[in-house]
Protein backbone atom coordinates (compact mmCIF):
# COMPACT_ATOMS: atom_id res chain seq x y z
CA MET A 1 12.75 49.50 39.13
CA MET A 2 11.95 52.71 39.41
CA SER A 3 15.62 54.70 39.16
CA ASN A 4 13.85 58.41 38.65
CA ALA A 5 11.09 60.59 38.25
CA TYR A 6 11.31 64.47 37.55
CA ARG A 7 8.82 66.79 36.51
CA ASP A 8 8.45 67.13 33.02
CA ASP A 9 5.82 69.82 31.80
CA ALA A 10 5.80 68.68 28.16
CA CYS A 11 6.65 65.00 28.57
CA ASP A 12 2.66 64.78 26.91
CA GLY A 13 2.95 67.28 24.40
CA SER A 14 0.25 69.10 25.82
CA ALA A 15 0.98 73.11 25.60
CA PHE A 16 3.11 74.75 29.05
CA PRO A 17 1.74 75.52 31.55
CA ASP A 18 0.05 71.38 31.93
CA ILE A 19 2.02 70.09 34.67
CA ASP A 20 3.23 66.35 34.30
CA TYR A 21 5.33 64.38 35.84
CA THR A 22 8.62 61.90 33.70
CA PHE A 23 9.08 58.64 35.76
CA ILE A 24 11.66 56.33 34.73
CA VAL A 25 11.82 52.72 35.02
CA ARG A 26 15.07 51.05 34.08
CA PHE A 27 14.93 47.39 33.12
CA PRO A 28 18.05 44.70 33.27
CA SER A 29 18.41 43.77 29.62
CA ALA A 30 16.58 46.30 26.61
CA VAL A 31 12.25 46.24 26.45
CA ASN A 32 12.23 44.89 22.85
CA ASP A 33 8.79 43.62 23.30
CA PRO A 34 7.32 47.07 25.17
CA ASP A 35 3.78 45.39 24.38
CA ARG A 36 4.45 43.06 26.74
CA LEU A 37 4.56 45.71 29.39
CA LYS A 38 2.30 45.55 32.02
CA SER A 39 1.60 47.86 35.88
CA PHE A 40 0.64 47.39 39.42
CA ALA A 41 1.47 49.36 42.29
CA GLY A 42 -0.16 47.34 45.17
CA ILE A 43 -1.96 50.33 47.28
CA THR A 44 -5.17 51.24 46.13
CA LEU A 45 -4.41 55.09 45.77
CA VAL A 46 -1.67 54.24 42.48
CA ASP A 47 -3.96 50.96 41.29
CA ALA A 48 -6.89 53.68 41.24
CA MET A 49 -4.89 56.17 39.29
CA LEU A 50 -3.88 53.36 36.81
CA THR A 51 -6.89 51.64 36.07
CA TYR A 52 -8.07 55.62 35.51
CA TYR A 53 -5.85 56.19 32.90
CA GLN A 54 -6.37 53.23 31.31
CA VAL A 55 -10.14 53.49 31.60
CA THR A 56 -9.99 57.17 30.29
CA ILE A 57 -6.70 57.28 27.63
CA GLY A 58 -6.03 54.43 26.72
CA GLY A 59 -2.97 53.57 29.37
CA ILE A 60 0.11 56.33 30.63
CA ASN A 61 2.15 57.74 27.91
CA GLY A 62 5.49 55.89 27.23
CA ARG A 63 7.83 56.23 25.54
CA GLY A 64 11.91 54.80 24.97
CA ASN A 65 12.79 52.11 21.96
CA THR A 66 13.69 48.48 21.54
CA ALA A 67 17.30 49.06 22.59
CA SER A 68 16.84 50.87 25.96
CA THR A 69 16.62 49.41 29.48
CA ASP A 70 14.36 52.76 30.16
CA VAL A 71 11.09 53.18 29.86
CA SER A 72 9.88 57.16 30.90
CA LEU A 73 6.42 57.01 31.72
CA CYS A 74 4.69 60.42 31.74
CA ILE A 75 1.71 60.74 34.23
CA GLY A 76 -0.22 64.14 34.31
CA ASP A 77 -0.39 66.14 38.07
CA SER A 78 -3.87 64.77 39.00
CA GLY A 79 -3.14 61.47 38.57
CA VAL A 80 -0.08 62.25 41.02
CA ALA A 81 -1.94 63.96 43.67
CA ASN A 82 -4.84 60.95 42.93
CA ALA A 83 -2.29 58.72 43.76
CA GLY A 84 -0.17 59.99 46.66
CA GLY A 85 2.38 62.81 44.90
CA ILE A 86 5.27 61.81 43.38
CA ASP A 87 7.21 59.82 45.53
CA SER A 88 4.39 57.59 46.30
CA VAL A 89 3.74 56.94 42.48
CA ARG A 90 7.84 56.64 42.31
CA GLN A 91 7.87 54.01 45.32
CA HIS A 92 4.84 51.93 44.38
CA LEU A 93 4.63 51.77 40.55
CA LYS A 94 6.13 48.58 39.01
CA LEU A 95 6.63 47.80 34.89
CA TYR A 96 6.96 44.08 34.48
CA LEU A 97 6.90 42.44 31.09
CA LYS A 98 4.30 39.48 30.87
C-alpha cells in the first residue's frame, strides 16, 4: 500500500534543482527479496510512465533494506507529470511481490 509521497529534489542523486518525488510503499512484512518486487497501475498514464522508466533507465530508482517493510521509489518530475501528477501516481501505482 502506498503510504506517503513527497517532493525530494535529490532522491536520485542528481544535483539540485532536479525535481524528484519519493513514494513510500509499505508492506505487511519485511521485503527480504527485492528482486521479486513488481509494479502495476491499471491506468494507461501510470503504466506508460512505468514502461518508459523500465525501457529507458532499467526501472524506477528504489531503495530500502531487506529488513524493512518500506520501499522508497524515486520518480522524476516528468514521469510524475506524464502519469497525471503526484496524486495519480500515489493512488494507482502498486508494488507487489511475485
